[in-house]
Amino acid sequence: MIAVRIAIELDPPGSAPGDDPFSMFSGWGDQLVWLAVLVPIAVLVFFVGSRRFRSQLGSASIVPKGRDRFVAGGGPRRDAAWRETVDRLEAKPATPIAQARSGPVRVEAEIVRASGNLGGPPGRECVWRNRAGAGSQTAVGADLLIVADASGRCGVEQLETARVIAPTERAGAHYESTSLYIGDRVEVIARFEPEVVGEHEDPSMLVYGTLGAHGPVDIRVVERPAPPEPEAEAAEDAEEAPAEPEPADPEPSDEP
């Protein structure tokens, strides 16, 4: 049917035999040449744009690029002096929190508390999250973390500008995130401000100062405990649940 309709349009009834069916294009001239050139170009542009769009949605675009990756709108790039400081501190053993002095230090400690959280199992709450490889403008999390090692505790501030290196987590077909959780053992490189807070008979329970109140903050997850298994959690809940009292034996009746 389509072929018949085209033939009728090109050779309508009443036309003289032998008429050129392409005579309608006789006045186009150079327009046909331009049309022949522009149509392939338009197809090529569409093909290239489609491939580029698909690549932007692929996994390569969401892989973290490292500590010093620049992201537009993600805060200032780490300058050369700070990168040298990070390299120098990473080449030395971590400083115990109780022995830290004023200035840049590197500590390895466990996240034990936070001023807020984003939810999660008790003891494994999420305290910071961002899209993998994205800038700090998209990060959400607590304002203050408390980290602890064998010697003591300290606070970690300015998480909204921190550079965080953590395992990626698949959150969708084209979306990966990085997070920090209570219980994570982390490396924190930042400027330490000493200030002993509180009193306690156990020195390891004291807070000895804060990291990151002034200057850059670099955080890297060193060790992440495995998430608790649902069966183990159910068993613990069953053990903690109070035992139901056994029904009392019915008293004997004197009636016959």
C-alpha atoms as a PDB file:
ATOM      1  CA  MET A   1       0.000   0.000   0.000  1.00  0.00           C
ATOM      2  CA  ILE A   2       2.814   2.412   0.799  1.00  0.00           C
ATOM      3  CA  ALA A   3       4.503   1.752  -2.564  1.00  0.00           C
ATOM      4  CA  VAL A   4       1.198   2.346  -4.412  1.00  0.00           C
ATOM      5  CA  ARG A   5       0.593   5.622  -2.546  1.00  0.00           C
ATOM      6  CA  ILE A   6       4.088   6.886  -3.393  1.00  0.00           C
ATOM      7  CA  ALA A   7       3.590   5.938  -7.041  1.00  0.00           C
ATOM      8  CA  ILE A   8       0.269   7.831  -7.130  1.00  0.00           C
ATOM      9  CA  GLU A   9       1.812  10.948  -5.561  1.00  0.00           C
ATOM     10  CA  LEU A  10       4.720  10.877  -7.969  1.00  0.00           C
ATOM     11  CA  ASP A  11       2.496  10.101 -10.978  1.00  0.00           C
ATOM     12  CA  PRO A  12      -0.972  11.491 -10.236  1.00  0.00           C
ATOM     13  CA  PRO A  13      -3.904  10.584 -12.512  1.00  0.00           C
ATOM     14  CA  GLY A  14      -4.102  12.744 -15.599  1.00  0.00           C
ATOM     15  CA  SER A  15      -0.411  13.349 -15.923  1.00  0.00           C
ATOM     16  CA  ALA A  16       1.053  12.899 -19.340  1.00  0.00           C
ATOM     17  CA  PRO A  17       3.013   9.710 -19.977  1.00  0.00           C
ATOM     18  CA  GLY A  18       6.720  10.205 -19.865  1.00  0.00           C
ATOM     19  CA  ASP A  19       6.599  13.134 -17.401  1.00  0.00           C
ATOM     20  CA  ASP A  20       9.643  13.191 -15.074  1.00  0.00           C
ATOM     21  CA  PRO A  21       8.391  12.273 -11.551  1.00  0.00           C
ATOM     22  CA  PHE A  22      11.317  14.261 -10.055  1.00  0.00           C
ATOM     23  CA  SER A  23      10.503  17.444 -11.907  1.00  0.00           C
ATOM     24  CA  MET A  24       9.180  18.891  -8.595  1.00  0.00           C
ATOM     25  CA  PHE A  25      12.816  19.175  -7.426  1.00  0.00           C
ATOM     26  CA  SER A  26      14.005  20.946 -10.549  1.00  0.00           C
ATOM     27  CA  GLY A  27      13.975  24.356  -8.903  1.00  0.00           C
ATOM     28  CA  TRP A  28      15.904  23.388  -5.814  1.00  0.00           C
ATOM     29  CA  GLY A  29      19.375  23.690  -7.308  1.00  0.00           C
ATOM     30  CA  ASP A  30      22.069  24.060  -4.629  1.00  0.00           C
ATOM     31  CA  GLN A  31      19.570  23.310  -1.849  1.00  0.00           C
ATOM     32  CA  LEU A  32      19.809  19.595  -2.656  1.00  0.00           C
ATOM     33  CA  VAL A  33      23.595  19.737  -2.315  1.00  0.00           C
ATOM     34  CA  TRP A  34      23.349  21.412   1.106  1.00  0.00           C
ATOM     35  CA  LEU A  35      20.692  18.936   2.174  1.00  0.00           C
ATOM     36  CA  ALA A  36      22.936  16.041   1.205  1.00  0.00           C
ATOM     37  CA  VAL A  37      25.748  17.527   3.300  1.00  0.00           C
ATOM     38  CA  LEU A  38      23.770  18.614   6.389  1.00  0.00           C
ATOM     39  CA  VAL A  39      21.739  15.431   6.904  1.00  0.00           C
ATOM     40  CA  PRO A  40      24.811  13.201   7.527  1.00  0.00           C
ATOM     41  CA  ILE A  41      26.275  15.883   9.825  1.00  0.00           C
ATOM     42  CA  ALA A  42      23.057  15.997  11.866  1.00  0.00           C
ATOM     43  CA  VAL A  43      23.039  12.206  12.151  1.00  0.00           C
ATOM     44  CA  LEU A  44      26.699  12.228  13.266  1.00  0.00           C
ATOM     45  CA  VAL A  45      26.059  14.913  15.916  1.00  0.00           C
ATOM     46  CA  PHE A  46      23.112  12.941  17.279  1.00  0.00           C
ATOM     47  CA  PHE A  47      25.178   9.742  17.409  1.00  0.00           C
ATOM     48  CA  VAL A  48      28.128  11.387  19.215  1.00  0.00           C
ATOM     49  CA  GLY A  49      25.841  13.179  21.680  1.00  0.00           C
ATOM     50  CA  SER A  50      23.983   9.966  22.460  1.00  0.00           C
ATOM     51  CA  ARG A  51      27.220   8.085  23.160  1.00  0.00           C
ATOM     52  CA  ARG A  52      28.500  10.868  25.414  1.00  0.00           C
ATOM     53  CA  PHE A  53      25.247  10.981  27.375  1.00  0.00           C
ATOM     54  CA  ARG A  54      25.346   7.218  27.942  1.00  0.00           C
ATOM     55  CA  SER A  55      28.975   7.390  29.074  1.00  0.00           C
ATOM     56  CA  GLN A  56      28.106  10.063  31.642  1.00  0.00           C
ATOM     57  CA  LEU A  57      25.566   7.651  33.137  1.00  0.00           C
ATOM     58  CA  GLY A  58      28.030   4.796  33.197  1.00  0.00           C
ATOM     59  CA  SER A  59      29.989   3.528  36.183  1.00  0.00           C
ATOM     60  CA  ALA A  60      33.185   5.303  35.092  1.00  0.00           C
ATOM     61  CA  SER A  61      31.682   8.668  35.927  1.00  0.00           C
ATOM     62  CA  ILE A  62      30.954   7.777  39.553  1.00  0.00           C
ATOM     63  CA  VAL A  63      34.256   6.183  40.559  1.00  0.00           C
ATOM     64  CA  PRO A  64      36.094   8.288  43.176  1.00  0.00           C
ATOM     65  CA  LYS A  65      39.217   9.902  41.760  1.00  0.00           C
ATOM     66  CA  GLY A  66      41.227  10.229  44.971  1.00  0.00           C
ATOM     67  CA  ARG A  67      42.009  12.678  47.723  1.00  0.00           C
ATOM     68  CA  ASP A  68      42.944  15.663  45.546  1.00  0.00           C
ATOM     69  CA  ARG A  69      40.295  15.497  42.847  1.00  0.00           C
ATOM     70  CA  PHE A  70      38.909  18.953  42.027  1.00  0.00           C
ATOM     71  CA  VAL A  71      35.144  19.178  41.798  1.00  0.00           C
ATOM     72  CA  ALA A  72      33.523  22.424  40.684  1.00  0.00           C
ATOM     73  CA  GLY A  73      31.834  24.028  43.660  1.00  0.00           C
ATOM     74  CA  GLY A  74      33.386  21.519  46.046  1.00  0.00           C
ATOM     75  CA  GLY A  75      35.558  23.959  47.948  1.00  0.00           C
ATOM     76  CA  PRO A  76      39.182  25.011  47.457  1.00  0.00           C
ATOM     77  CA  ARG A  77      41.719  22.609  46.065  1.00  0.00           C
ATOM     78  CA  ARG A  78      44.312  21.359  48.547  1.00  0.00           C
ATOM     79  CA  ASP A  79      47.414  23.478  48.043  1.00  0.00           C
ATOM     80  CA  ALA A  80      50.874  22.040  47.547  1.00  0.00           C
ATOM     81  CA  ALA A  81      51.923  22.747  51.145  1.00  0.00           C
ATOM     82  CA  TRP A  82      49.031  20.724  52.562  1.00  0.00           C
ATOM     83  CA  ARG A  83      49.639  17.831  50.171  1.00  0.00           C
ATOM     84  CA  GLU A  84      53.259  17.748  51.338  1.00  0.00           C
ATOM     85  CA  THR A  85      52.058  17.735  54.948  1.00  0.00           C
ATOM     86  CA  VAL A  86      49.726  14.806  54.224  1.00  0.00           C
ATOM     87  CA  ASP A  87      52.544  12.841  52.541  1.00  0.00           C
ATOM     88  CA  ARG A  88      54.881  13.545  55.453  1.00  0.00           C
ATOM     89  CA  LEU A  89      52.369  12.472  58.101  1.00  0.00           C
ATOM     90  CA  GLU A  90      51.380   9.328  56.195  1.00  0.00           C
ATOM     91  CA  ALA A  91      55.030   8.242  56.186  1.00  0.00           C
ATOM     92  CA  LYS A  92      55.130   8.316  60.015  1.00  0.00           C
ATOM     93  CA  PRO A  93      53.323   6.264  62.659  1.00  0.00           C
ATOM     94  CA  ALA A  94      49.972   7.642  63.799  1.00  0.00           C
ATOM     95  CA  THR A  95      50.022   9.909  66.844  1.00  0.00           C
ATOM     96  CA  PRO A  96      48.121   8.702  69.940  1.00  0.00           C
ATOM     97  CA  ILE A  97      45.371  11.186  70.734  1.00  0.00           C
ATOM     98  CA  ALA A  98      46.565  11.772  74.300  1.00  0.00           C
ATOM     99  CA  GLN A  99      50.036  12.687  73.002  1.00  0.00           C
ATOM    100  CA  ALA A 100      48.920  15.006  70.182  1.00  0.00           C
ATOM    101  CA  ARG A 101      50.235  18.558  70.229  1.00  0.00           C
ATOM    102  CA  SER A 102      49.023  21.698  68.514  1.00  0.00           C
ATOM    103  CA  GLY A 103      49.457  21.512  64.754  1.00  0.00           C
ATOM    104  CA  PRO A 104      48.889  19.014  61.920  1.00  0.00           C
ATOM    105  CA  VAL A 105      48.697  15.405  63.110  1.00  0.00           C
ATOM    106  CA  ARG A 106      47.543  12.016  61.876  1.00  0.00           C
ATOM    107  CA  VAL A 107      45.523   9.845  64.205  1.00  0.00           C
ATOM    108  CA  GLU A 108      43.961   6.435  63.713  1.00  0.00           C
ATOM    109  CA  ALA A 109      40.870   5.975  65.834  1.00  0.00           C
ATOM    110  CA  GLU A 110      37.368   4.553  65.890  1.00  0.00           C
ATOM    111  CA  ILE A 111      34.250   6.666  65.406  1.00  0.00           C
ATOM    112  CA  VAL A 112      32.374   6.184  68.679  1.00  0.00           C
ATOM    113  CA  ARG A 113      29.858   9.022  68.788  1.00  0.00           C
ATOM    114  CA  ALA A 114      28.380  11.844  66.701  1.00  0.00           C
ATOM    115  CA  SER A 115      26.196  14.895  67.228  1.00  0.00           C
ATOM    116  CA  GLY A 116      23.577  13.320  64.932  1.00  0.00           C
ATOM    117  CA  ASN A 117      23.164  10.518  62.422  1.00  0.00           C
ATOM    118  CA  LEU A 118      21.398   9.502  59.228  1.00  0.00           C
ATOM    119  CA  GLY A 119      19.950   6.292  60.625  1.00  0.00           C
ATOM    120  CA  GLY A 120      21.055   2.688  60.657  1.00  0.00           C
ATOM    121  CA  PRO A 121      21.353  -0.255  63.055  1.00  0.00           C
ATOM    122  CA  PRO A 122      22.180   0.665  66.666  1.00  0.00           C
ATOM    123  CA  GLY A 123      25.929   1.056  67.015  1.00  0.00           C
ATOM    124  CA  ARG A 124      26.403   1.262  63.227  1.00  0.00           C
ATOM    125  CA  GLU A 125      24.544   4.489  62.403  1.00  0.00           C
ATOM    126  CA  CYS A 126      25.603   6.465  59.340  1.00  0.00           C
ATOM    127  CA  VAL A 127      27.157   9.805  60.339  1.00  0.00           C
ATOM    128  CA  TRP A 128      28.255  11.160  56.911  1.00  0.00           C
ATOM    129  CA  ARG A 129      27.303  10.414  53.314  1.00  0.00           C
ATOM    130  CA  ASN A 130      28.009  11.798  49.850  1.00  0.00           C
ATOM    131  CA  ARG A 131      27.861  10.762  46.211  1.00  0.00           C
ATOM    132  CA  ALA A 132      31.041   8.909  45.258  1.00  0.00           C
ATOM    133  CA  GLY A 133      33.582  11.351  43.854  1.00  0.00           C
ATOM    134  CA  ALA A 134      31.346  14.405  44.374  1.00  0.00           C
ATOM    135  CA  GLY A 135      32.276  17.669  46.052  1.00  0.00           C
ATOM    136  CA  SER A 136      31.521  18.620  49.621  1.00  0.00           C
ATOM    137  CA  GLN A 137      28.525  20.737  48.544  1.00  0.00           C
ATOM    138  CA  THR A 138      26.436  17.550  48.284  1.00  0.00           C
ATOM    139  CA  ALA A 139      27.598  15.894  51.525  1.00  0.00           C
ATOM    140  CA  VAL A 140      25.320  15.486  54.543  1.00  0.00           C
ATOM    141  CA  GLY A 141      26.251  14.401  58.021  1.00  0.00           C
ATOM    142  CA  ALA A 142      26.846  15.237  61.651  1.00  0.00           C
ATOM    143  CA  ASP A 143      28.475  18.483  62.746  1.00  0.00           C
ATOM    144  CA  LEU A 144      30.834  16.736  65.166  1.00  0.00           C
ATOM    145  CA  LEU A 145      32.349  13.271  65.449  1.00  0.00           C
ATOM    146  CA  ILE A 146      34.009  11.765  68.487  1.00  0.00           C
ATOM    147  CA  VAL A 147      36.847   9.373  67.695  1.00  0.00           C
ATOM    148  CA  ALA A 148      38.741   7.256  70.199  1.00  0.00           C
ATOM    149  CA  ASP A 149      41.937   5.218  70.339  1.00  0.00           C
ATOM    150  CA  ALA A 150      43.582   3.349  73.183  1.00  0.00           C
ATOM    151  CA  SER A 151      44.932   6.585  74.700  1.00  0.00           C
ATOM    152  CA  GLY A 152      41.907   8.901  74.602  1.00  0.00           C
ATOM    153  CA  ARG A 153      39.268  10.721  72.606  1.00  0.00           C
ATOM    154  CA  CYS A 154      38.958  13.839  70.466  1.00  0.00           C
ATOM    155  CA  GLY A 155      36.406  15.652  68.331  1.00  0.00           C
ATOM    156  CA  VAL A 156      36.459  16.004  64.544  1.00  0.00           C
ATOM    157  CA  GLU A 157      34.862  19.145  63.122  1.00  0.00           C
ATOM    158  CA  GLN A 158      34.268  20.701  59.679  1.00  0.00           C
ATOM    159  CA  LEU A 159      32.946  17.500  58.107  1.00  0.00           C
ATOM    160  CA  GLU A 160      31.134  19.582  55.487  1.00  0.00           C
ATOM    161  CA  THR A 161      34.505  20.459  53.910  1.00  0.00           C
ATOM    162  CA  ALA A 162      36.347  17.206  54.661  1.00  0.00           C
ATOM    163  CA  ARG A 163      37.890  15.057  51.946  1.00  0.00           C
ATOM    164  CA  VAL A 164      36.682  11.535  52.717  1.00  0.00           C
ATOM    165  CA  ILE A 165      37.991   8.295  51.232  1.00  0.00           C
ATOM    166  CA  ALA A 166      35.683   5.386  52.002  1.00  0.00           C
ATOM    167  CA  PRO A 167      34.405   2.205  50.303  1.00  0.00           C
ATOM    168  CA  THR A 168      31.792   2.852  47.635  1.00  0.00           C
ATOM    169  CA  GLU A 169      28.275   1.534  48.085  1.00  0.00           C
ATOM    170  CA  ARG A 170      25.895   0.873  45.203  1.00  0.00           C
ATOM    171  CA  ALA A 171      22.757   2.930  45.765  1.00  0.00           C
ATOM    172  CA  GLY A 172      21.157   2.647  42.306  1.00  0.00           C
ATOM    173  CA  ALA A 173      21.733   1.692  38.695  1.00  0.00           C
ATOM    174  CA  HIS A 174      23.921   4.761  38.084  1.00  0.00           C
ATOM    175  CA  TYR A 175      24.592   5.977  41.605  1.00  0.00           C
ATOM    176  CA  GLU A 176      27.265   5.118  44.169  1.00  0.00           C
ATOM    177  CA  SER A 177      27.824   6.731  47.543  1.00  0.00           C
ATOM    178  CA  THR A 178      30.525   6.883  50.213  1.00  0.00           C
ATOM    179  CA  SER A 179      29.684   6.928  53.919  1.00  0.00           C
ATOM    180  CA  LEU A 180      31.097   6.997  57.430  1.00  0.00           C
ATOM    181  CA  TYR A 181      29.560   4.861  60.172  1.00  0.00           C
ATOM    182  CA  ILE A 182      29.817   4.530  63.912  1.00  0.00           C
ATOM    183  CA  GLY A 183      32.388   1.776  64.469  1.00  0.00           C
ATOM    184  CA  ASP A 184      34.538   2.651  61.442  1.00  0.00           C
ATOM    185  CA  ARG A 185      38.252   2.858  62.155  1.00  0.00           C
ATOM    186  CA  VAL A 186      39.490   5.948  60.343  1.00  0.00           C
ATOM    187  CA  GLU A 187      42.645   7.904  59.660  1.00  0.00           C
ATOM    188  CA  VAL A 188      42.172  11.631  60.288  1.00  0.00           C
ATOM    189  CA  ILE A 189      44.737  14.187  59.138  1.00  0.00           C
ATOM    190  CA  ALA A 190      44.033  17.712  60.345  1.00  0.00           C
ATOM    191  CA  ARG A 191      45.244  20.439  62.662  1.00  0.00           C
ATOM    192  CA  PHE A 192      44.901  19.465  66.320  1.00  0.00           C
ATOM    193  CA  GLU A 193      43.740  21.958  68.953  1.00  0.00           C
ATOM    194  CA  PRO A 194      44.535  20.577  72.439  1.00  0.00           C
ATOM    195  CA  GLU A 195      41.994  21.092  75.229  1.00  0.00           C
ATOM    196  CA  VAL A 196      41.341  18.491  77.899  1.00  0.00           C
ATOM    197  CA  VAL A 197      37.622  18.294  78.652  1.00  0.00           C
ATOM    198  CA  GLY A 198      36.036  16.645  81.694  1.00  0.00           C
ATOM    199  CA  GLU A 199      37.353  14.441  84.456  1.00  0.00           C
ATOM    200  CA  HIS A 200      37.502  10.673  84.543  1.00  0.00           C
ATOM    201  CA  GLU A 201      39.427   8.070  86.477  1.00  0.00           C
ATOM    202  CA  ASP A 202      40.224   6.338  83.166  1.00  0.00           C
ATOM    203  CA  PRO A 203      42.513   8.617  81.072  1.00  0.00           C
ATOM    204  CA  SER A 204      41.389   6.912  77.856  1.00  0.00           C
ATOM    205  CA  MET A 205      37.864   8.260  78.404  1.00  0.00           C
ATOM    206  CA  LEU A 206      38.960  11.906  78.428  1.00  0.00           C
ATOM    207  CA  VAL A 207      38.573  14.246  75.439  1.00  0.00           C
ATOM    208  CA  TYR A 208      41.972  15.776  74.658  1.00  0.00           C
ATOM    209  CA  GLY A 209      41.050  18.275  71.957  1.00  0.00           C
ATOM    210  CA  THR A 210      39.592  18.719  68.477  1.00  0.00           C
ATOM    211  CA  LEU A 211      40.730  18.043  64.918  1.00  0.00           C
ATOM    212  CA  GLY A 212      39.777  20.186  61.940  1.00  0.00           C
ATOM    213  CA  ALA A 213      38.477  23.302  63.666  1.00  0.00           C
ATOM    214  CA  HIS A 214      40.926  25.280  61.495  1.00  0.00           C
ATOM    215  CA  GLY A 215      42.248  24.167  58.130  1.00  0.00           C
ATOM    216  CA  PRO A 216      41.679  21.150  55.863  1.00  0.00           C
ATOM    217  CA  VAL A 217      40.408  17.782  57.087  1.00  0.00           C
ATOM    218  CA  ASP A 218      41.290  14.503  55.378  1.00  0.00           C
ATOM    219  CA  ILE A 219      39.525  11.305  56.494  1.00  0.00           C
ATOM    220  CA  ARG A 220      40.151   7.790  55.206  1.00  0.00           C
ATOM    221  CA  VAL A 221      38.431   4.604  56.327  1.00  0.00           C
ATOM    222  CA  VAL A 222      41.108   2.142  57.494  1.00  0.00           C
ATOM    223  CA  GLU A 223      38.851  -0.682  58.650  1.00  0.00           C
ATOM    224  CA  ARG A 224      35.100  -1.234  58.536  1.00  0.00           C
ATOM    225  CA  PRO A 225      33.509  -3.978  60.643  1.00  0.00           C
ATOM    226  CA  ALA A 226      31.192  -6.347  58.852  1.00  0.00           C
ATOM    227  CA  PRO A 227      27.518  -5.391  59.254  1.00  0.00           C
ATOM    228  CA  PRO A 228      25.659  -7.412  61.865  1.00  0.00           C
ATOM    229  CA  GLU A 229      23.812 -10.414  60.476  1.00  0.00           C
ATOM    230  CA  PRO A 230      20.023 -10.356  60.852  1.00  0.00           C
ATOM    231  CA  GLU A 231      19.996 -13.827  62.452  1.00  0.00           C
ATOM    232  CA  ALA A 232      22.536 -12.777  65.071  1.00  0.00           C
ATOM    233  CA  GLU A 233      20.532  -9.631  65.868  1.00  0.00           C
ATOM    234  CA  ALA A 234      17.344 -11.690  66.268  1.00  0.00           C
ATOM    235  CA  ALA A 235      19.138 -14.097  68.616  1.00  0.00           C
ATOM    236  CA  GLU A 236      20.454 -11.217  70.728  1.00  0.00           C
ATOM    237  CA  ASP A 237      16.996  -9.659  70.918  1.00  0.00           C
ATOM    238  CA  ALA A 238      15.544 -12.999  72.040  1.00  0.00           C
ATOM    239  CA  GLU A 239      18.173 -13.325  74.765  1.00  0.00           C
ATOM    240  CA  GLU A 240      17.553  -9.789  76.015  1.00  0.00           C
ATOM    241  CA  ALA A 241      13.762 -10.183  76.060  1.00  0.00           C
ATOM    242  CA  PRO A 242      12.406 -10.893  79.587  1.00  0.00           C
ATOM    243  CA  ALA A 243      11.254 -14.433  80.121  1.00  0.00           C
ATOM    244  CA  GLU A 244       7.525 -14.874  80.450  1.00  0.00           C
ATOM    245  CA  PRO A 245       6.450 -16.155  83.901  1.00  0.00           C
ATOM    246  CA  GLU A 246       5.273 -19.755  83.954  1.00  0.00           C
ATOM    247  CA  PRO A 247       1.553 -20.190  84.685  1.00  0.00           C
ATOM    248  CA  ALA A 248       0.856 -21.079  88.314  1.00  0.00           C
ATOM    249  CA  ASP A 249      -0.600 -24.497  89.096  1.00  0.00           C
ATOM    250  CA  PRO A 250      -4.329 -24.322  89.838  1.00  0.00           C
ATOM    251  CA  GLU A 251      -5.184 -24.596  93.507  1.00  0.00           C
ATOM    252  CA  PRO A 252      -6.990 -27.828  94.493  1.00  0.00           C
ATOM    253  CA  SER A 253     -10.697 -27.406  95.005  1.00  0.00           C
ATOM    254  CA  ASP A 254     -12.572 -28.787  98.080  1.00  0.00           C
ATOM    255  CA  GLU A 255     -15.739 -29.265  96.106  1.00  0.00           C
ATOM    256  CA  PRO A 256     -16.589 -32.871  95.190  1.00  0.00           C
END
